[in-house]
């Protein structure tokens, strides 16, 4: 199982409030059979309307830590929203607050969503805009974000924190790690062994 304890990368400043899942991934892109290629459509409508959207800017193209505002991921519960961000390259999100279902979907994909105070987010977003290659480190063990000479305390729900740092977020790996026990249990179940 993959433990997620540290994420280091450059930032993407999107310090706006109430960004809903339909803005993250417009509904017309939900007809996909798999999530393959969905990352290229992240914020598609916003990006077409605003040339200066952070996801359009070349200096944020390799960004992996999204800095967001309050109530990020609100709206519908579509898993496509965190999938599109993850497939675009986002590995972690630092925000003021998150919609509950979006937060849970991100956690189940191994994308930590941590919260920080608004002044700290504003300072970080401003610095990313001034210095796009700025290296940012999210330390989930210590529950802090470090950049330049700054350390910002962050918070995350205890259950999500434990799942990420222990690797328990990765349900497929848990199944694969326990395949022998699963086979043993299945062999004892009459409906799994009944001849048709």
N, C-alpha and C. Protein backbone atom coordinates (compact mmCIF):
# COMPACT_ATOMS: atom_id res chain seq x y z
N UNK A 1 0.83 -1.19 0.00
CA UNK A 1 0.00 0.00 0.00
C UNK A 1 0.87 1.24 0.00
N UNK A 2 0.41 2.25 -0.66
CA UNK A 2 1.18 3.49 -0.81
C UNK A 2 0.86 4.46 0.33
N UNK A 3 1.86 4.74 1.13
CA UNK A 3 1.70 5.73 2.20
C UNK A 3 1.97 7.11 1.64
N UNK A 4 1.13 8.05 1.98
CA UNK A 4 1.32 9.43 1.52
C UNK A 4 1.65 10.27 2.74
N UNK A 5 2.91 10.62 2.86
CA UNK A 5 3.36 11.37 4.02
C UNK A 5 3.91 12.74 3.64
N UNK A 6 4.50 12.86 2.44
CA UNK A 6 5.10 14.12 1.99
C UNK A 6 4.76 14.32 0.52
N UNK A 7 4.41 15.53 0.17
CA UNK A 7 4.21 15.89 -1.23
C UNK A 7 4.96 17.20 -1.46
N UNK A 8 5.83 17.18 -2.46
CA UNK A 8 6.60 18.37 -2.79
C UNK A 8 6.37 18.71 -4.25
N UNK A 9 6.16 19.98 -4.51
CA UNK A 9 5.96 20.42 -5.89
C UNK A 9 5.76 21.91 -5.95
N UNK A 10 5.42 22.39 -7.13
CA UNK A 10 5.13 23.81 -7.29
C UNK A 10 3.63 24.02 -7.17
N UNK A 11 3.23 25.26 -6.98
CA UNK A 11 1.84 25.56 -6.68
C UNK A 11 1.04 26.09 -7.85
N UNK A 12 -0.28 26.00 -7.70
CA UNK A 12 -1.23 26.59 -8.63
C UNK A 12 -2.18 27.45 -7.79
N UNK A 13 -2.12 28.77 -7.93
CA UNK A 13 -2.97 29.62 -7.09
C UNK A 13 -4.37 29.79 -7.69
N UNK A 14 -5.38 29.32 -6.98
CA UNK A 14 -6.78 29.47 -7.40
C UNK A 14 -7.60 29.80 -6.16
N UNK A 15 -7.26 30.90 -5.54
CA UNK A 15 -7.84 31.26 -4.25
C UNK A 15 -9.20 31.93 -4.45
N UNK A 16 -10.18 31.13 -4.86
CA UNK A 16 -11.55 31.58 -5.06
C UNK A 16 -12.47 30.72 -4.20
N UNK A 17 -13.60 31.28 -3.79
CA UNK A 17 -14.54 30.56 -2.93
C UNK A 17 -15.65 29.91 -3.75
N UNK A 18 -16.20 28.84 -3.18
CA UNK A 18 -17.38 28.17 -3.73
C UNK A 18 -17.17 27.67 -5.16
N UNK A 19 -16.00 27.14 -5.45
CA UNK A 19 -15.76 26.53 -6.76
C UNK A 19 -16.44 25.17 -6.74
N UNK A 20 -17.48 25.01 -7.57
CA UNK A 20 -18.24 23.76 -7.54
C UNK A 20 -17.69 22.75 -8.55
N UNK A 21 -18.18 21.53 -8.42
CA UNK A 21 -17.66 20.44 -9.25
C UNK A 21 -17.99 20.64 -10.72
N UNK A 22 -19.05 21.38 -11.03
CA UNK A 22 -19.38 21.63 -12.44
C UNK A 22 -18.37 22.59 -13.07
N UNK A 23 -17.79 23.46 -12.27
CA UNK A 23 -16.72 24.33 -12.79
C UNK A 23 -15.42 23.54 -12.92
N UNK A 24 -15.19 22.64 -11.99
CA UNK A 24 -13.96 21.84 -12.05
C UNK A 24 -13.99 20.96 -13.30
N UNK A 25 -15.11 20.28 -13.54
CA UNK A 25 -15.26 19.45 -14.74
C UNK A 25 -16.69 19.61 -15.26
N UNK A 26 -16.88 20.36 -16.34
CA UNK A 26 -18.23 20.59 -16.86
C UNK A 26 -18.96 19.28 -17.19
N UNK A 27 -20.27 19.31 -17.03
CA UNK A 27 -21.11 18.11 -17.14
C UNK A 27 -20.95 17.37 -18.47
N UNK A 28 -20.69 18.08 -19.55
CA UNK A 28 -20.61 17.41 -20.85
C UNK A 28 -19.44 16.43 -20.95
N UNK A 29 -18.50 16.51 -20.01
CA UNK A 29 -17.36 15.59 -20.01
C UNK A 29 -17.58 14.38 -19.10
N UNK A 30 -18.79 14.23 -18.57
CA UNK A 30 -19.08 13.12 -17.65
C UNK A 30 -19.53 11.87 -18.38
N UNK A 31 -19.65 11.92 -19.68
CA UNK A 31 -20.13 10.77 -20.43
C UNK A 31 -19.03 9.76 -20.72
N UNK A 32 -17.84 10.01 -20.24
CA UNK A 32 -16.71 9.13 -20.53
C UNK A 32 -16.92 7.76 -19.87
N UNK A 33 -16.44 6.73 -20.53
CA UNK A 33 -16.55 5.37 -20.01
C UNK A 33 -15.48 5.13 -18.95
N UNK A 34 -14.31 5.73 -19.14
CA UNK A 34 -13.26 5.66 -18.14
C UNK A 34 -12.82 7.10 -17.85
N UNK A 35 -11.93 7.25 -16.89
CA UNK A 35 -11.44 8.59 -16.55
C UNK A 35 -10.23 8.99 -17.39
N UNK A 36 -9.84 8.13 -18.31
CA UNK A 36 -8.68 8.40 -19.16
C UNK A 36 -8.88 9.70 -19.94
N UNK A 37 -7.93 10.60 -19.89
CA UNK A 37 -7.97 11.84 -20.64
C UNK A 37 -8.83 12.94 -20.04
N UNK A 38 -9.47 12.65 -18.90
CA UNK A 38 -10.38 13.65 -18.33
C UNK A 38 -9.63 14.86 -17.75
N UNK A 39 -8.35 14.67 -17.44
CA UNK A 39 -7.56 15.77 -16.88
C UNK A 39 -7.46 16.97 -17.79
N UNK A 40 -7.44 16.75 -19.09
CA UNK A 40 -7.29 17.88 -20.02
C UNK A 40 -8.52 18.79 -20.02
N UNK A 41 -9.64 18.31 -19.45
CA UNK A 41 -10.87 19.11 -19.43
C UNK A 41 -11.09 19.82 -18.08
N UNK A 42 -10.14 19.70 -17.16
CA UNK A 42 -10.29 20.38 -15.87
C UNK A 42 -10.45 21.88 -16.08
N UNK A 43 -11.48 22.45 -15.47
CA UNK A 43 -11.77 23.89 -15.57
C UNK A 43 -11.93 24.36 -17.03
N UNK A 44 -12.41 23.49 -17.89
CA UNK A 44 -12.49 23.78 -19.33
C UNK A 44 -13.23 25.09 -19.63
N UNK A 45 -14.42 25.26 -19.06
CA UNK A 45 -15.19 26.48 -19.36
C UNK A 45 -14.52 27.72 -18.80
N UNK A 46 -14.05 27.64 -17.56
CA UNK A 46 -13.35 28.78 -16.95
C UNK A 46 -12.11 29.15 -17.77
N UNK A 47 -11.40 28.15 -18.25
CA UNK A 47 -10.18 28.39 -19.01
C UNK A 47 -10.48 29.03 -20.36
N UNK A 48 -11.61 28.64 -20.96
CA UNK A 48 -11.98 29.23 -22.25
C UNK A 48 -12.44 30.68 -22.08
N UNK A 49 -13.04 30.99 -20.93
CA UNK A 49 -13.54 32.34 -20.68
C UNK A 49 -12.47 33.30 -20.17
N UNK A 50 -11.42 32.73 -19.55
CA UNK A 50 -10.39 33.57 -18.93
C UNK A 50 -9.01 33.07 -19.34
N UNK A 51 -8.38 33.77 -20.25
CA UNK A 51 -7.07 33.35 -20.74
C UNK A 51 -6.04 33.27 -19.62
N UNK A 52 -6.22 34.10 -18.58
CA UNK A 52 -5.26 34.14 -17.47
C UNK A 52 -5.58 33.15 -16.35
N UNK A 53 -6.51 32.21 -16.62
CA UNK A 53 -6.80 31.19 -15.60
C UNK A 53 -5.51 30.43 -15.30
N UNK A 54 -5.23 30.13 -14.02
CA UNK A 54 -3.97 29.47 -13.68
C UNK A 54 -3.72 28.17 -14.44
N UNK A 55 -4.78 27.44 -14.79
CA UNK A 55 -4.59 26.18 -15.52
C UNK A 55 -4.22 26.43 -16.99
N UNK A 56 -4.31 27.67 -17.45
CA UNK A 56 -3.88 28.02 -18.81
C UNK A 56 -2.43 28.48 -18.87
N UNK A 57 -1.88 28.87 -17.74
CA UNK A 57 -0.56 29.51 -17.72
C UNK A 57 0.56 28.48 -17.74
N UNK A 58 1.47 28.67 -18.67
CA UNK A 58 2.56 27.72 -18.87
C UNK A 58 3.39 27.52 -17.60
N UNK A 59 3.60 28.60 -16.83
CA UNK A 59 4.44 28.47 -15.64
C UNK A 59 3.75 27.70 -14.50
N UNK A 60 2.47 27.35 -14.66
CA UNK A 60 1.81 26.49 -13.68
C UNK A 60 1.51 25.10 -14.26
N UNK A 61 1.97 24.84 -15.48
CA UNK A 61 1.64 23.58 -16.17
C UNK A 61 2.09 22.35 -15.40
N UNK A 62 3.18 22.46 -14.67
CA UNK A 62 3.68 21.31 -13.89
C UNK A 62 3.33 21.42 -12.42
N UNK A 63 2.47 22.37 -12.08
CA UNK A 63 2.07 22.53 -10.68
C UNK A 63 1.35 21.30 -10.15
N UNK A 64 1.61 20.98 -8.91
CA UNK A 64 0.98 19.79 -8.33
C UNK A 64 0.27 20.07 -7.00
N UNK A 65 0.42 21.27 -6.47
CA UNK A 65 -0.24 21.63 -5.21
C UNK A 65 -1.16 22.81 -5.47
N UNK A 66 -2.45 22.56 -5.43
CA UNK A 66 -3.46 23.57 -5.71
C UNK A 66 -3.79 24.34 -4.44
N UNK A 67 -3.77 25.67 -4.52
CA UNK A 67 -4.14 26.52 -3.40
C UNK A 67 -5.53 27.07 -3.69
N UNK A 68 -6.50 26.66 -2.89
CA UNK A 68 -7.91 26.99 -3.14
C UNK A 68 -8.49 27.80 -1.98
N UNK A 69 -9.74 28.21 -2.17
CA UNK A 69 -10.42 29.02 -1.16
C UNK A 69 -11.35 28.22 -0.28
N UNK A 70 -12.48 28.84 0.04
CA UNK A 70 -13.46 28.26 0.94
C UNK A 70 -14.48 27.44 0.16
N UNK A 71 -14.90 26.30 0.74
CA UNK A 71 -15.96 25.46 0.18
C UNK A 71 -15.60 24.92 -1.21
N UNK A 72 -14.36 24.56 -1.39
CA UNK A 72 -13.90 24.05 -2.67
C UNK A 72 -14.51 22.68 -2.93
N UNK A 73 -15.01 22.47 -4.16
CA UNK A 73 -15.60 21.18 -4.53
C UNK A 73 -17.04 21.03 -4.13
N UNK A 74 -17.74 22.15 -3.91
CA UNK A 74 -19.15 22.06 -3.53
C UNK A 74 -19.97 21.65 -4.76
N UNK A 75 -21.28 21.50 -4.57
CA UNK A 75 -22.14 21.10 -5.68
C UNK A 75 -22.38 19.61 -5.70
N UNK A 76 -22.40 19.04 -6.88
CA UNK A 76 -22.71 17.61 -7.01
C UNK A 76 -21.57 16.76 -6.47
N UNK A 77 -21.86 15.50 -6.28
CA UNK A 77 -20.89 14.59 -5.67
C UNK A 77 -20.04 13.87 -6.71
N UNK A 78 -20.01 14.33 -7.94
CA UNK A 78 -19.33 13.60 -9.01
C UNK A 78 -17.86 13.35 -8.70
N UNK A 79 -17.47 12.10 -8.84
CA UNK A 79 -16.07 11.72 -8.62
C UNK A 79 -15.19 12.24 -9.75
N UNK A 80 -15.80 12.62 -10.87
CA UNK A 80 -15.05 13.13 -12.01
C UNK A 80 -14.23 14.37 -11.65
N UNK A 81 -14.71 15.18 -10.70
CA UNK A 81 -14.00 16.41 -10.34
C UNK A 81 -12.62 16.11 -9.77
N UNK A 82 -12.50 15.33 -8.69
CA UNK A 82 -11.15 15.02 -8.22
C UNK A 82 -10.34 14.19 -9.21
N UNK A 83 -11.04 13.34 -9.98
CA UNK A 83 -10.32 12.55 -11.00
C UNK A 83 -9.68 13.47 -12.02
N UNK A 84 -10.41 14.51 -12.47
CA UNK A 84 -9.86 15.41 -13.48
C UNK A 84 -8.67 16.20 -12.93
N UNK A 85 -8.78 16.63 -11.67
CA UNK A 85 -7.66 17.36 -11.07
C UNK A 85 -6.43 16.46 -10.92
N UNK A 86 -6.66 15.25 -10.43
CA UNK A 86 -5.56 14.30 -10.24
C UNK A 86 -4.89 13.99 -11.57
N UNK A 87 -5.70 13.79 -12.61
CA UNK A 87 -5.14 13.44 -13.92
C UNK A 87 -4.53 14.64 -14.63
N UNK A 88 -4.89 15.84 -14.20
CA UNK A 88 -4.22 17.04 -14.70
C UNK A 88 -2.83 17.16 -14.07
N UNK A 89 -2.68 16.62 -12.86
CA UNK A 89 -1.38 16.64 -12.18
C UNK A 89 -1.42 17.11 -10.75
N UNK A 90 -2.61 17.43 -10.24
CA UNK A 90 -2.74 17.88 -8.85
C UNK A 90 -2.54 16.69 -7.91
N UNK A 91 -1.63 16.85 -6.97
CA UNK A 91 -1.34 15.78 -6.00
C UNK A 91 -1.83 16.12 -4.60
N UNK A 92 -2.12 17.40 -4.34
CA UNK A 92 -2.62 17.83 -3.04
C UNK A 92 -3.33 19.17 -3.21
N UNK A 93 -4.27 19.44 -2.31
CA UNK A 93 -4.99 20.72 -2.33
C UNK A 93 -4.94 21.32 -0.94
N UNK A 94 -4.55 22.59 -0.89
CA UNK A 94 -4.56 23.35 0.36
C UNK A 94 -5.66 24.38 0.21
N UNK A 95 -6.65 24.35 1.08
CA UNK A 95 -7.76 25.28 0.97
C UNK A 95 -8.25 25.75 2.33
N UNK A 96 -9.20 26.67 2.29
CA UNK A 96 -9.78 27.14 3.55
C UNK A 96 -10.79 26.12 4.08
N UNK A 97 -11.58 25.53 3.18
CA UNK A 97 -12.50 24.44 3.55
C UNK A 97 -12.91 23.71 2.28
N UNK A 98 -13.44 22.50 2.46
CA UNK A 98 -13.81 21.64 1.33
C UNK A 98 -15.21 21.10 1.53
N UNK A 99 -15.91 20.90 0.42
CA UNK A 99 -17.19 20.20 0.48
C UNK A 99 -16.91 18.77 0.92
N UNK A 100 -17.77 18.22 1.76
CA UNK A 100 -17.51 16.93 2.40
C UNK A 100 -17.33 15.78 1.42
N UNK A 101 -18.21 15.67 0.43
CA UNK A 101 -18.11 14.54 -0.50
C UNK A 101 -16.88 14.69 -1.39
N UNK A 102 -16.60 15.91 -1.84
CA UNK A 102 -15.38 16.14 -2.63
C UNK A 102 -14.15 15.74 -1.82
N UNK A 103 -14.12 16.14 -0.56
CA UNK A 103 -13.01 15.79 0.32
C UNK A 103 -12.84 14.27 0.41
N UNK A 104 -13.95 13.56 0.59
CA UNK A 104 -13.89 12.10 0.69
C UNK A 104 -13.43 11.45 -0.61
N UNK A 105 -13.92 11.97 -1.74
CA UNK A 105 -13.49 11.44 -3.03
C UNK A 105 -12.01 11.66 -3.26
N UNK A 106 -11.50 12.82 -2.88
CA UNK A 106 -10.07 13.08 -3.01
C UNK A 106 -9.26 12.13 -2.15
N UNK A 107 -9.69 11.95 -0.92
CA UNK A 107 -8.97 11.05 0.00
C UNK A 107 -8.92 9.64 -0.57
N UNK A 108 -10.02 9.17 -1.15
CA UNK A 108 -10.05 7.81 -1.69
C UNK A 108 -9.17 7.67 -2.94
N UNK A 109 -8.75 8.79 -3.52
CA UNK A 109 -7.83 8.76 -4.65
C UNK A 109 -6.39 9.02 -4.22
N UNK A 110 -6.19 9.29 -2.93
CA UNK A 110 -4.84 9.58 -2.44
C UNK A 110 -4.41 11.01 -2.69
N UNK A 111 -5.39 11.92 -2.80
CA UNK A 111 -5.10 13.34 -2.97
C UNK A 111 -5.46 14.06 -1.67
N UNK A 112 -4.49 14.39 -0.84
CA UNK A 112 -4.80 15.04 0.43
C UNK A 112 -5.40 16.43 0.24
N UNK A 113 -6.43 16.73 1.02
CA UNK A 113 -7.04 18.05 1.08
C UNK A 113 -6.84 18.56 2.50
N UNK A 114 -5.98 19.54 2.65
CA UNK A 114 -5.68 20.08 3.98
C UNK A 114 -6.17 21.51 4.05
N UNK A 115 -6.49 21.96 5.25
CA UNK A 115 -6.99 23.32 5.43
C UNK A 115 -5.97 24.19 6.14
N UNK A 116 -6.03 25.48 5.79
CA UNK A 116 -5.17 26.48 6.43
C UNK A 116 -5.99 27.76 6.59
N UNK A 117 -5.51 28.65 7.43
CA UNK A 117 -6.19 29.93 7.64
C UNK A 117 -6.07 30.81 6.39
N UNK A 118 -7.08 31.63 6.16
CA UNK A 118 -7.14 32.46 4.95
C UNK A 118 -5.91 33.35 4.76
N UNK A 119 -5.44 34.05 5.80
CA UNK A 119 -4.25 34.89 5.58
C UNK A 119 -3.04 34.09 5.10
N UNK A 120 -2.88 32.88 5.59
CA UNK A 120 -1.77 32.03 5.15
C UNK A 120 -1.94 31.62 3.70
N UNK A 121 -3.18 31.32 3.30
CA UNK A 121 -3.46 30.95 1.91
C UNK A 121 -3.20 32.14 0.99
N UNK A 122 -3.62 33.33 1.41
CA UNK A 122 -3.41 34.53 0.61
C UNK A 122 -1.91 34.80 0.41
N UNK A 123 -1.15 34.64 1.48
CA UNK A 123 0.30 34.87 1.39
C UNK A 123 0.95 33.86 0.46
N UNK A 124 0.54 32.59 0.56
CA UNK A 124 1.10 31.55 -0.29
C UNK A 124 0.73 31.78 -1.76
N UNK A 125 -0.55 32.08 -2.03
CA UNK A 125 -0.99 32.32 -3.41
C UNK A 125 -0.23 33.50 -4.02
N UNK A 126 -0.05 34.54 -3.24
CA UNK A 126 0.66 35.74 -3.73
C UNK A 126 2.11 35.40 -4.07
N UNK A 127 2.73 34.60 -3.22
CA UNK A 127 4.12 34.22 -3.46
C UNK A 127 4.25 33.31 -4.68
N UNK A 128 3.29 32.40 -4.88
CA UNK A 128 3.31 31.53 -6.06
C UNK A 128 3.19 32.37 -7.33
N UNK A 129 2.32 33.39 -7.29
CA UNK A 129 2.17 34.25 -8.46
C UNK A 129 3.46 35.01 -8.77
N UNK A 130 4.16 35.43 -7.73
CA UNK A 130 5.40 36.17 -7.91
C UNK A 130 6.57 35.26 -8.28
N UNK A 131 6.52 34.01 -7.81
CA UNK A 131 7.63 33.08 -8.01
C UNK A 131 7.07 31.69 -8.32
N UNK A 132 6.58 31.45 -9.55
CA UNK A 132 5.94 30.18 -9.89
C UNK A 132 6.78 28.92 -9.62
N UNK A 133 8.13 28.95 -9.76
CA UNK A 133 8.90 27.74 -9.47
C UNK A 133 9.10 27.46 -7.97
N UNK A 134 8.50 28.30 -7.11
CA UNK A 134 8.64 28.12 -5.66
C UNK A 134 8.31 26.68 -5.26
N UNK A 135 9.22 26.04 -4.54
CA UNK A 135 8.98 24.67 -4.08
C UNK A 135 8.16 24.70 -2.79
N UNK A 136 7.12 23.90 -2.78
CA UNK A 136 6.23 23.81 -1.62
C UNK A 136 6.25 22.36 -1.14
N UNK A 137 6.34 22.19 0.16
CA UNK A 137 6.33 20.84 0.74
C UNK A 137 5.16 20.71 1.70
N UNK A 138 4.30 19.74 1.42
CA UNK A 138 3.22 19.39 2.35
C UNK A 138 3.69 18.18 3.13
N UNK A 139 3.84 18.35 4.43
CA UNK A 139 4.25 17.27 5.32
C UNK A 139 3.02 16.83 6.10
N UNK A 140 2.45 15.70 5.68
CA UNK A 140 1.23 15.22 6.34
C UNK A 140 1.51 14.71 7.74
N UNK A 141 2.70 14.16 7.95
CA UNK A 141 3.05 13.66 9.28
C UNK A 141 3.05 14.81 10.28
N UNK A 142 3.71 15.91 9.92
CA UNK A 142 3.82 17.05 10.82
C UNK A 142 2.62 17.99 10.73
N UNK A 143 1.76 17.78 9.74
CA UNK A 143 0.60 18.64 9.48
C UNK A 143 1.05 20.10 9.30
N UNK A 144 1.96 20.26 8.32
CA UNK A 144 2.40 21.60 8.01
C UNK A 144 2.83 21.70 6.55
N UNK A 145 2.76 22.92 6.04
CA UNK A 145 3.24 23.25 4.70
C UNK A 145 4.46 24.13 4.88
N UNK A 146 5.52 23.79 4.13
CA UNK A 146 6.77 24.56 4.22
C UNK A 146 7.14 25.10 2.85
N UNK A 147 7.52 26.35 2.81
CA UNK A 147 8.05 26.96 1.59
C UNK A 147 8.91 28.14 2.00
N UNK A 148 9.96 28.38 1.21
CA UNK A 148 10.92 29.45 1.54
C UNK A 148 11.30 29.31 3.02
N UNK A 149 11.11 30.36 3.81
CA UNK A 149 11.42 30.29 5.24
C UNK A 149 10.15 30.22 6.08
N UNK A 150 9.07 29.79 5.47
CA UNK A 150 7.76 29.83 6.13
C UNK A 150 7.26 28.43 6.43
N UNK A 151 6.67 28.28 7.61
CA UNK A 151 5.99 27.04 8.00
C UNK A 151 4.56 27.39 8.35
N UNK A 152 3.61 26.74 7.68
CA UNK A 152 2.19 27.01 7.90
C UNK A 152 1.54 25.75 8.47
N UNK A 153 0.91 25.85 9.64
CA UNK A 153 0.19 24.67 10.17
C UNK A 153 -1.06 24.42 9.33
N UNK A 154 -1.33 23.15 9.06
CA UNK A 154 -2.53 22.78 8.32
C UNK A 154 -3.28 21.72 9.11
N UNK A 155 -4.53 21.53 8.75
CA UNK A 155 -5.35 20.55 9.44
C UNK A 155 -5.98 19.62 8.42
N UNK A 156 -6.34 18.43 8.86
CA UNK A 156 -7.03 17.44 8.04
C UNK A 156 -7.79 16.54 8.99
N UNK A 157 -8.94 16.07 8.56
CA UNK A 157 -9.73 15.16 9.40
C UNK A 157 -8.88 13.97 9.83
N UNK A 158 -9.02 13.57 11.08
CA UNK A 158 -8.18 12.50 11.64
C UNK A 158 -8.29 11.21 10.84
N UNK A 159 -9.50 10.85 10.41
CA UNK A 159 -9.68 9.60 9.67
C UNK A 159 -8.96 9.65 8.32
N UNK A 160 -9.05 10.80 7.63
CA UNK A 160 -8.37 10.93 6.34
C UNK A 160 -6.85 10.95 6.53
N UNK A 161 -6.39 11.63 7.58
CA UNK A 161 -4.96 11.67 7.87
C UNK A 161 -4.42 10.27 8.09
N UNK A 162 -5.10 9.49 8.92
CA UNK A 162 -4.66 8.13 9.21
C UNK A 162 -4.67 7.27 7.95
N UNK A 163 -5.73 7.39 7.14
CA UNK A 163 -5.83 6.60 5.91
C UNK A 163 -4.67 6.91 4.96
N UNK A 164 -4.34 8.18 4.82
CA UNK A 164 -3.29 8.58 3.88
C UNK A 164 -1.90 8.17 4.36
N UNK A 165 -1.57 8.47 5.60
CA UNK A 165 -0.21 8.18 6.07
C UNK A 165 0.03 6.70 6.30
N UNK A 166 -1.04 5.92 6.49
CA UNK A 166 -0.88 4.48 6.68
C UNK A 166 -1.01 3.69 5.38
N UNK A 167 -1.52 4.34 4.34
CA UNK A 167 -1.75 3.64 3.08
C UNK A 167 -3.11 2.99 2.98
N UNK A 168 -3.93 3.12 4.01
CA UNK A 168 -5.25 2.48 4.03
C UNK A 168 -6.24 3.13 3.05
N UNK A 169 -5.89 4.28 2.48
CA UNK A 169 -6.77 4.92 1.50
C UNK A 169 -6.88 4.09 0.23
N UNK A 170 -5.87 3.27 -0.04
CA UNK A 170 -5.77 2.54 -1.30
C UNK A 170 -6.48 1.18 -1.17
N UNK A 171 -7.79 1.18 -1.43
CA UNK A 171 -8.59 -0.02 -1.23
C UNK A 171 -8.20 -1.16 -2.16
N UNK A 172 -7.82 -0.86 -3.38
CA UNK A 172 -7.41 -1.91 -4.31
C UNK A 172 -6.15 -2.60 -3.80
N UNK A 173 -5.18 -1.82 -3.31
CA UNK A 173 -3.97 -2.44 -2.75
C UNK A 173 -4.29 -3.29 -1.53
N UNK A 174 -5.25 -2.84 -0.72
CA UNK A 174 -5.65 -3.65 0.44
C UNK A 174 -6.19 -5.00 -0.02
N UNK A 175 -7.02 -4.98 -1.05
CA UNK A 175 -7.55 -6.25 -1.57
C UNK A 175 -6.44 -7.14 -2.10
N UNK A 176 -5.53 -6.56 -2.88
CA UNK A 176 -4.44 -7.35 -3.43
C UNK A 176 -3.51 -7.90 -2.34
N UNK A 177 -3.28 -7.10 -1.32
CA UNK A 177 -2.43 -7.56 -0.21
C UNK A 177 -3.07 -8.70 0.56
N UNK A 178 -4.39 -8.79 0.49
CA UNK A 178 -5.11 -9.81 1.26
C UNK A 178 -5.77 -10.86 0.38
N UNK A 179 -5.25 -11.05 -0.83
CA UNK A 179 -5.92 -11.96 -1.76
C UNK A 179 -5.99 -13.40 -1.24
N UNK A 180 -4.96 -13.86 -0.52
CA UNK A 180 -5.00 -15.23 0.01
C UNK A 180 -6.12 -15.39 1.03
N UNK A 181 -6.26 -14.42 1.92
CA UNK A 181 -7.33 -14.48 2.92
C UNK A 181 -8.70 -14.40 2.25
N UNK A 182 -8.80 -13.60 1.20
CA UNK A 182 -10.07 -13.48 0.47
C UNK A 182 -10.42 -14.81 -0.19
N UNK A 183 -9.44 -15.46 -0.80
CA UNK A 183 -9.68 -16.77 -1.43
C UNK A 183 -10.11 -17.81 -0.39
N UNK A 184 -9.46 -17.79 0.77
CA UNK A 184 -9.83 -18.74 1.83
C UNK A 184 -11.27 -18.53 2.28
N UNK A 185 -11.63 -17.28 2.48
CA UNK A 185 -13.00 -16.97 2.88
C UNK A 185 -13.98 -17.39 1.80
N UNK A 186 -13.66 -17.09 0.55
CA UNK A 186 -14.55 -17.45 -0.56
C UNK A 186 -14.72 -18.96 -0.67
N UNK A 187 -13.67 -19.70 -0.36
CA UNK A 187 -13.76 -21.17 -0.47
C UNK A 187 -14.71 -21.77 0.57
N UNK A 188 -14.97 -21.04 1.65
CA UNK A 188 -15.87 -21.53 2.70
C UNK A 188 -17.33 -21.10 2.48
N UNK A 189 -17.56 -20.27 1.48
CA UNK A 189 -18.91 -19.78 1.24
C UNK A 189 -19.62 -20.70 0.25
N UNK A 190 -20.74 -21.29 0.67
CA UNK A 190 -21.41 -22.25 -0.22
C UNK A 190 -21.81 -21.65 -1.57
N UNK A 191 -22.26 -20.42 -1.59
CA UNK A 191 -22.70 -19.83 -2.85
C UNK A 191 -21.55 -19.51 -3.80
N UNK A 192 -20.30 -19.53 -3.27
CA UNK A 192 -19.14 -19.32 -4.13
C UNK A 192 -18.64 -20.63 -4.73
N UNK A 193 -19.09 -21.76 -4.16
CA UNK A 193 -18.60 -23.07 -4.60
C UNK A 193 -19.70 -23.96 -5.16
N UNK A 194 -20.92 -23.46 -5.20
CA UNK A 194 -22.02 -24.29 -5.70
C UNK A 194 -21.88 -24.49 -7.21
N UNK A 195 -22.08 -25.70 -7.64
CA UNK A 195 -22.04 -25.97 -9.08
C UNK A 195 -23.37 -25.55 -9.69
N UNK A 196 -23.30 -25.01 -10.86
CA UNK A 196 -24.51 -24.50 -11.52
C UNK A 196 -25.07 -25.56 -12.43
